[in-house]
PDB file of all heavy atoms in Angstrom:
ATOM      1  N   GLY A   1      85.276-112.875  63.657  1.00  0.00           N
ATOM      2  CA  GLY A   1      84.255-113.575  64.444  1.00  0.00           C
ATOM      3  C   GLY A   1      84.144-113.054  65.845  1.00  0.00           C
ATOM      4  O   GLY A   1      83.025-112.897  66.353  1.00  0.00           O
ATOM      5  N   ALA A   2      85.287-112.782  66.491  1.00  0.00           N
ATOM      6  CA  ALA A   2      85.255-112.262  67.866  1.00  0.00           C
ATOM      7  C   ALA A   2      84.557-110.881  67.903  1.00  0.00           C
ATOM      8  O   ALA A   2      83.701-110.660  68.783  1.00  0.00           O
ATOM      9  CB  ALA A   2      86.644-112.107  68.411  1.00  0.00           C
ATOM     10  N   ALA A   3      84.858-110.034  66.957  1.00  0.00           N
ATOM     11  CA  ALA A   3      84.284-108.705  66.930  1.00  0.00           C
ATOM     12  C   ALA A   3      82.793-108.747  66.639  1.00  0.00           C
ATOM     13  O   ALA A   3      81.981-108.064  67.273  1.00  0.00           O
ATOM     14  CB  ALA A   3      84.959-107.859  65.924  1.00  0.00           C
ATOM     15  N   CYS A   4      82.385-109.631  65.693  1.00  0.00           N
ATOM     16  CA  CYS A   4      80.953-109.704  65.324  1.00  0.00           C
ATOM     17  C   CYS A   4      80.131-110.326  66.411  1.00  0.00           C
ATOM     18  O   CYS A   4      79.001-109.895  66.663  1.00  0.00           O
ATOM     19  CB  CYS A   4      80.833-110.450  64.045  1.00  0.00           C
ATOM     20  SG  CYS A   4      81.470-109.542  62.604  1.00  0.00           S
ATOM     21  N   LEU A   5      80.640-111.385  67.048  1.00  0.00           N
ATOM     22  CA  LEU A   5      79.866-112.025  68.149  1.00  0.00           C
ATOM     23  C   LEU A   5      79.654-111.045  69.297  1.00  0.00           C
ATOM     24  O   LEU A   5      78.540-110.962  69.829  1.00  0.00           O
ATOM     25  CB  LEU A   5      80.594-113.266  68.612  1.00  0.00           C
ATOM     26  CG  LEU A   5      80.585-114.484  67.683  1.00  0.00           C
ATOM     27  CD1 LEU A   5      81.509-115.564  68.240  1.00  0.00           C
ATOM     28  CD2 LEU A   5      79.184-114.973  67.506  1.00  0.00           C
ATOM     29  N   LEU A   6      80.673-110.318  69.696  1.00  0.00           N
ATOM     30  CA  LEU A   6      80.499-109.353  70.735  1.00  0.00           C
ATOM     31  C   LEU A   6      79.602-108.198  70.310  1.00  0.00           C
ATOM     32  O   LEU A   6      78.756-107.756  71.099  1.00  0.00           O
ATOM     33  CB  LEU A   6      81.882-108.795  71.160  1.00  0.00           C
ATOM     34  CG  LEU A   6      81.894-107.766  72.290  1.00  0.00           C
ATOM     35  CD1 LEU A   6      81.228-108.324  73.564  1.00  0.00           C
ATOM     36  CD2 LEU A   6      83.304-107.293  72.587  1.00  0.00           C
ATOM     37  N   GLY A   7      79.800-107.743  69.093  1.00  0.00           N
ATOM     38  CA  GLY A   7      78.918-106.638  68.591  1.00  0.00           C
ATOM     39  C   GLY A   7      77.484-107.021  68.531  1.00  0.00           C
ATOM     40  O   GLY A   7      76.589-106.259  68.840  1.00  0.00           O
ATOM     41  N   ALA A   8      77.186-108.263  68.074  1.00  0.00           N
ATOM     42  CA  ALA A   8      75.824-108.738  67.989  1.00  0.00           C
ATOM     43  C   ALA A   8      75.177-108.801  69.357  1.00  0.00           C
ATOM     44  O   ALA A   8      73.982-108.452  69.532  1.00  0.00           O
ATOM     45  CB  ALA A   8      75.747-110.086  67.319  1.00  0.00           C
ATOM     46  N   GLN A   9      75.962-109.234  70.372  1.00  0.00           N
ATOM     47  CA  GLN A   9      75.401-109.299  71.723  1.00  0.00           C
ATOM     48  C   GLN A   9      75.116-107.904  72.263  1.00  0.00           C
ATOM     49  O   GLN A   9      74.075-107.670  72.942  1.00  0.00           O
ATOM     50  CB  GLN A   9      76.375-110.011  72.647  1.00  0.00           C
ATOM     51  CG  GLN A   9      75.849-110.296  74.038  1.00  0.00           C
ATOM     52  CD  GLN A   9      74.660-111.221  74.032  1.00  0.00           C
ATOM     53  OE1 GLN A   9      74.791-112.379  73.728  1.00  0.00           O
ATOM     54  NE2 GLN A   9      73.472-110.671  74.302  1.00  0.00           N
ATOM     55  N   ILE A  10      75.968-106.955  71.979  1.00  0.00           N
ATOM     56  CA  ILE A  10      75.723-105.545  72.439  1.00  0.00           C
ATOM     57  C   ILE A  10      74.482-104.981  71.759  1.00  0.00           C
ATOM     58  O   ILE A  10      73.675-104.309  72.383  1.00  0.00           O
ATOM     59  CB  ILE A  10      76.977-104.706  72.188  1.00  0.00           C
ATOM     60  CG1 ILE A  10      78.134-105.191  73.063  1.00  0.00           C
ATOM     61  CG2 ILE A  10      76.691-103.225  72.448  1.00  0.00           C
ATOM     62  CD1 ILE A  10      79.441-104.457  72.808  1.00  0.00           C
ATOM     63  N   VAL A  11      74.371-105.230  70.444  1.00  0.00           N
ATOM     64  CA  VAL A  11      73.178-104.762  69.745  1.00  0.00           C
ATOM     65  C   VAL A  11      71.925-105.353  70.327  1.00  0.00           C
ATOM     66  O   VAL A  11      70.881-104.657  70.496  1.00  0.00           O
ATOM     67  CB  VAL A  11      73.291-105.056  68.223  1.00  0.00           C
ATOM     68  CG1 VAL A  11      71.964-104.787  67.526  1.00  0.00           C
ATOM     69  CG2 VAL A  11      74.377-104.211  67.598  1.00  0.00           C
ATOM     70  N   ASP A  12      71.935-106.649  70.668  1.00  0.00           N
ATOM     71  CA  ASP A  12      70.759-107.309  71.252  1.00  0.00           C
ATOM     72  C   ASP A  12      70.395-106.662  72.557  1.00  0.00           C
ATOM     73  O   ASP A  12      69.182-106.438  72.841  1.00  0.00           O
ATOM     74  CB  ASP A  12      71.038-108.791  71.440  1.00  0.00           C
ATOM     75  CG  ASP A  12      71.074-109.558  70.106  1.00  0.00           C
ATOM     76  OD1 ASP A  12      70.629-108.983  69.089  1.00  0.00           O
ATOM     77  OD2 ASP A  12      71.541-110.682  70.122  1.00  0.00           O
ATOM     78  N   VAL A  13      71.401-106.335  73.385  1.00  0.00           N
ATOM     79  CA  VAL A  13      71.146-105.742  74.688  1.00  0.00           C
ATOM     80  C   VAL A  13      70.511-104.355  74.501  1.00  0.00           C
ATOM     81  O   VAL A  13      69.526-103.982  75.190  1.00  0.00           O
ATOM     82  CB  VAL A  13      72.422-105.684  75.510  1.00  0.00           C
ATOM     83  CG1 VAL A  13      72.223-104.809  76.729  1.00  0.00           C
ATOM     84  CG2 VAL A  13      72.843-107.087  75.952  1.00  0.00           C
ATOM     85  N   VAL A  14      71.056-103.565  73.575  1.00  0.00           N
ATOM     86  CA  VAL A  14      70.534-102.200  73.371  1.00  0.00           C
ATOM     87  C   VAL A  14      69.123-102.242  72.846  1.00  0.00           C
ATOM     88  O   VAL A  14      68.230-101.546  73.316  1.00  0.00           O
ATOM     89  CB  VAL A  14      71.445-101.450  72.387  1.00  0.00           C
ATOM     90  CG1 VAL A  14      70.802-100.101  71.988  1.00  0.00           C
ATOM     91  CG2 VAL A  14      72.831-101.208  72.994  1.00  0.00           C
ATOM     92  N   LYS A  15      68.860-103.109  71.893  1.00  0.00           N
ATOM     93  CA  LYS A  15      67.509-103.224  71.350  1.00  0.00           C
ATOM     94  C   LYS A  15      66.537-103.788  72.376  1.00  0.00           C
ATOM     95  O   LYS A  15      65.360-103.315  72.455  1.00  0.00           O
ATOM     96  CB  LYS A  15      67.528-104.152  70.116  1.00  0.00           C
ATOM     97  CG  LYS A  15      68.268-103.579  68.907  1.00  0.00           C
ATOM     98  CD  LYS A  15      67.572-102.336  68.386  1.00  0.00           C
ATOM     99  CE  LYS A  15      68.276-101.826  67.130  1.00  0.00           C
ATOM    100  NZ  LYS A  15      67.599-100.591  66.576  1.00  0.00           N
ATOM    101  N   ALA A  16      66.939-104.702  73.192  1.00  0.00           N
ATOM    102  CA  ALA A  16      66.055-105.257  74.194  1.00  0.00           C
ATOM    103  C   ALA A  16      65.738-104.220  75.273  1.00  0.00           C
ATOM    104  O   ALA A  16      64.587-104.103  75.730  1.00  0.00           O
ATOM    105  CB  ALA A  16      66.730-106.474  74.900  1.00  0.00           C
ATOM    106  N   HIS A  17      66.739-103.401  75.613  1.00  0.00           N
ATOM    107  CA  HIS A  17      66.474-102.338  76.597  1.00  0.00           C
ATOM    108  C   HIS A  17      65.497-101.320  76.040  1.00  0.00           C
ATOM    109  O   HIS A  17      64.564-100.892  76.780  1.00  0.00           O
ATOM    110  CB  HIS A  17      67.791-101.648  76.941  1.00  0.00           C
ATOM    111  CG  HIS A  17      67.669-100.568  77.956  1.00  0.00           C
ATOM    112  ND1 HIS A  17      67.477-100.824  79.331  1.00  0.00           N
ATOM    113  CD2 HIS A  17      67.659 -99.203  77.820  1.00  0.00           C
ATOM    114  CE1 HIS A  17      67.346 -99.681  79.958  1.00  0.00           C
ATOM    115  NE2 HIS A  17      67.460 -98.678  79.109  1.00  0.00           N
ATOM    116  N   ALA A  18      65.646-100.977  74.795  1.00  0.00           N
ATOM    117  CA  ALA A  18      64.711 -99.987  74.186  1.00  0.00           C
ATOM    118  C   ALA A  18      63.310-100.595  74.088  1.00  0.00           C
ATOM    119  O   ALA A  18      62.296 -99.884  74.288  1.00  0.00           O
ATOM    120  CB  ALA A  18      65.225 -99.589  72.814  1.00  0.00           C
ATOM    121  N   PHE A  19      63.199-101.900  73.781  1.00  0.00           N
ATOM    122  CA  PHE A  19      61.916-102.520  73.684  1.00  0.00           C
ATOM    123  C   PHE A  19      61.184-102.564  75.019  1.00  0.00           C
ATOM    124  O   PHE A  19      59.973-102.223  75.146  1.00  0.00           O
ATOM    125  CB  PHE A  19      62.045-103.919  73.120  1.00  0.00           C
ATOM    126  CG  PHE A  19      60.786-104.738  73.190  1.00  0.00           C
ATOM    127  CD1 PHE A  19      59.821-104.595  72.201  1.00  0.00           C
ATOM    128  CD2 PHE A  19      60.583-105.648  74.200  1.00  0.00           C
ATOM    129  CE1 PHE A  19      58.648-105.337  72.274  1.00  0.00           C
ATOM    130  CE2 PHE A  19      59.411-106.395  74.257  1.00  0.00           C
ATOM    131  CZ  PHE A  19      58.457-106.236  73.291  1.00  0.00           C
ATOM    132  N   VAL A  20      61.897-102.983  76.085  1.00  0.00           N
ATOM    133  CA  VAL A  20      61.300-103.067  77.408  1.00  0.00           C
ATOM    134  C   VAL A  20      60.874-101.692  77.873  1.00  0.00           C
ATOM    135  O   VAL A  20      59.791-101.581  78.554  1.00  0.00           O
ATOM    136  CB  VAL A  20      62.263-103.748  78.383  1.00  0.00           C
ATOM    137  CG1 VAL A  20      61.717-103.679  79.793  1.00  0.00           C
ATOM    138  CG2 VAL A  20      62.503-105.175  77.954  1.00  0.00           C
ATOM    139  N   ARG A  21      61.619-100.675  77.594  1.00  0.00           N
ATOM    140  CA  ARG A  21      61.293 -99.349  78.109  1.00  0.00           C
ATOM    141  C   ARG A  21      60.206 -98.627  77.294  1.00  0.00           C
ATOM    142  O   ARG A  21      59.347 -97.920  77.826  1.00  0.00           O
ATOM    143  CB  ARG A  21      62.545 -98.468  78.123  1.00  0.00           C
ATOM    144  CG  ARG A  21      63.611 -98.932  79.099  1.00  0.00           C
ATOM    145  CD  ARG A  21      63.120 -98.860  80.551  1.00  0.00           C
ATOM    146  NE  ARG A  21      64.126 -99.305  81.474  1.00  0.00           N
ATOM    147  CZ  ARG A  21      64.294-100.524  81.872  1.00  0.00           C
ATOM    148  NH1 ARG A  21      63.508-101.484  81.391  1.00  0.00           N
ATOM    149  NH2 ARG A  21      65.217-100.873  82.747  1.00  0.00           N
ATOM    150  N   HIS A  22      60.239 -98.834  75.970  1.00  0.00           N
ATOM    151  CA  HIS A  22      59.299 -98.064  75.131  1.00  0.00           C
ATOM    152  C   HIS A  22      58.490 -98.910  74.160  1.00  0.00           C
ATOM    153  O   HIS A  22      57.659 -98.376  73.463  1.00  0.00           O
ATOM    154  CB  HIS A  22      60.141 -97.058  74.309  1.00  0.00           C
ATOM    155  CG  HIS A  22      61.042 -96.202  75.124  1.00  0.00           C
ATOM    156  ND1 HIS A  22      60.605 -95.243  76.031  1.00  0.00           N
ATOM    157  CD2 HIS A  22      62.391 -96.205  75.201  1.00  0.00           C
ATOM    158  CE1 HIS A  22      61.631 -94.691  76.600  1.00  0.00           C
ATOM    159  NE2 HIS A  22      62.762 -95.235  76.144  1.00  0.00           N
ATOM    160  N   GLY A  23      58.694-100.231  74.086  1.00  0.00           N
ATOM    161  CA  GLY A  23      57.954-101.049  73.150  1.00  0.00           C
ATOM    162  C   GLY A  23      56.541-101.277  73.582  1.00  0.00           C
ATOM    163  O   GLY A  23      56.225-101.173  74.753  1.00  0.00           O
ATOM    164  N   ASP A  24      55.662-101.592  72.612  1.00  0.00           N
ATOM    165  CA  ASP A  24      54.246-101.820  72.913  1.00  0.00           C
ATOM    166  C   ASP A  24      53.926-103.309  73.069  1.00  0.00           C
ATOM    167  O   ASP A  24      52.772-103.666  73.303  1.00  0.00           O
ATOM    168  CB  ASP A  24      53.354-101.210  71.821  1.00  0.00           C
ATOM    169  CG  ASP A  24      53.712-101.743  70.432  1.00  0.00           C
ATOM    170  OD1 ASP A  24      54.502-102.725  70.326  1.00  0.00           O
ATOM    171  OD2 ASP A  24      53.209-101.189  69.438  1.00  0.00           O
ATOM    172  N   GLY A  25      54.917-104.197  72.881  1.00  0.00           N
ATOM    173  CA  GLY A  25      54.703-105.623  73.099  1.00  0.00           C
ATOM    174  C   GLY A  25      54.106-106.320  71.893  1.00  0.00           C
ATOM    175  O   GLY A  25      53.866-107.517  71.971  1.00  0.00           O
ATOM    176  N   SER A  26      53.885-105.611  70.806  1.00  0.00           N
ATOM    177  CA  SER A  26      53.286-106.262  69.628  1.00  0.00           C
ATOM    178  C   SER A  26      54.327-107.009  68.788  1.00  0.00           C
ATOM    179  O   SER A  26      55.527-106.903  69.063  1.00  0.00           O
ATOM    180  CB  SER A  26      52.639-105.184  68.746  1.00  0.00           C
ATOM    181  OG  SER A  26      53.617-104.254  68.254  1.00  0.00           O
ATOM    182  N   HIS A  27      53.817-107.767  67.842  1.00  0.00           N
ATOM    183  CA  HIS A  27      54.711-108.560  67.015  1.00  0.00           C
ATOM    184  C   HIS A  27      55.613-107.642  66.188  1.00  0.00           C
ATOM    185  O   HIS A  27      56.814-107.945  65.991  1.00  0.00           O
ATOM    186  CB  HIS A  27      53.895-109.451  66.090  1.00  0.00           C
ATOM    187  CG  HIS A  27      54.745-110.214  65.117  1.00  0.00           C
ATOM    188  ND1 HIS A  27      55.503-111.295  65.480  1.00  0.00           N
ATOM    189  CD2 HIS A  27      54.902-110.045  63.775  1.00  0.00           C
ATOM    190  CE1 HIS A  27      56.174-111.756  64.408  1.00  0.00           C
ATOM    191  NE2 HIS A  27      55.806-111.006  63.381  1.00  0.00           N
ATOM    192  N   HIS A  28      55.111-106.517  65.734  1.00  0.00           N
ATOM    193  CA  HIS A  28      55.869-105.574  64.950  1.00  0.00           C
ATOM    194  C   HIS A  28      57.010-105.013  65.742  1.00  0.00           C
ATOM    195  O   HIS A  28      58.166-104.900  65.255  1.00  0.00           O
ATOM    196  CB  HIS A  28      54.986-104.463  64.423  1.00  0.00           C
ATOM    197  CG  HIS A  28      55.710-103.418  63.622  1.00  0.00           C
ATOM    198  ND1 HIS A  28      56.257-103.687  62.408  1.00  0.00           N
ATOM    199  CD2 HIS A  28      56.072-102.134  63.954  1.00  0.00           C
ATOM    200  CE1 HIS A  28      56.830-102.579  61.937  1.00  0.00           C
ATOM    201  NE2 HIS A  28      56.747-101.648  62.882  1.00  0.00           N
ATOM    202  N   ALA A  29      56.762-104.670  67.019  1.00  0.00           N
ATOM    203  CA  ALA A  29      57.809-104.100  67.873  1.00  0.00           C
ATOM    204  C   ALA A  29      58.896-105.168  68.154  1.00  0.00           C
ATOM    205  O   ALA A  29      60.044-104.864  68.191  1.00  0.00           O
ATOM    206  CB  ALA A  29      57.208-103.544  69.129  1.00  0.00           C
ATOM    207  N   VAL A  30      58.447-106.405  68.401  1.00  0.00           N
ATOM    208  CA  VAL A  30      59.420-107.478  68.654  1.00  0.00           C
ATOM    209  C   VAL A  30      60.281-107.708  67.406  1.00  0.00           C
ATOM    210  O   VAL A  30      61.511-107.929  67.532  1.00  0.00           O
ATOM    211  CB  VAL A  30      58.706-108.757  69.069  1.00  0.00           C
ATOM    212  CG1 VAL A  30      59.662-109.937  69.147  1.00  0.00           C
ATOM    213  CG2 VAL A  30      57.979-108.557  70.412  1.00  0.00           C
ATOM    214  N   ASP A  31      59.668-107.692  66.250  1.00  0.00           N
ATOM    215  CA  ASP A  31      60.429-107.927  65.005  1.00  0.00           C
ATOM    216  C   ASP A  31      61.444-106.812  64.782  1.00  0.00           C
ATOM    217  O   ASP A  31      62.591-107.113  64.345  1.00  0.00           O
ATOM    218  CB  ASP A  31      59.450-108.000  63.839  1.00  0.00           C
ATOM    219  CG  ASP A  31      60.159-108.348  62.555  1.00  0.00           C
ATOM    220  OD1 ASP A  31      60.646-109.454  62.412  1.00  0.00           O
ATOM    221  OD2 ASP A  31      60.264-107.455  61.679  1.00  0.00           O
TER     222      ASP A  31
END
């Protein structure tokens, strides 16, 4: 649980950073 909770938060941060920098803001990109 400790490893997965921390890993999920890191994945969210990486994906959010990529979306803000290169995403088009559409529903498909958010999904």
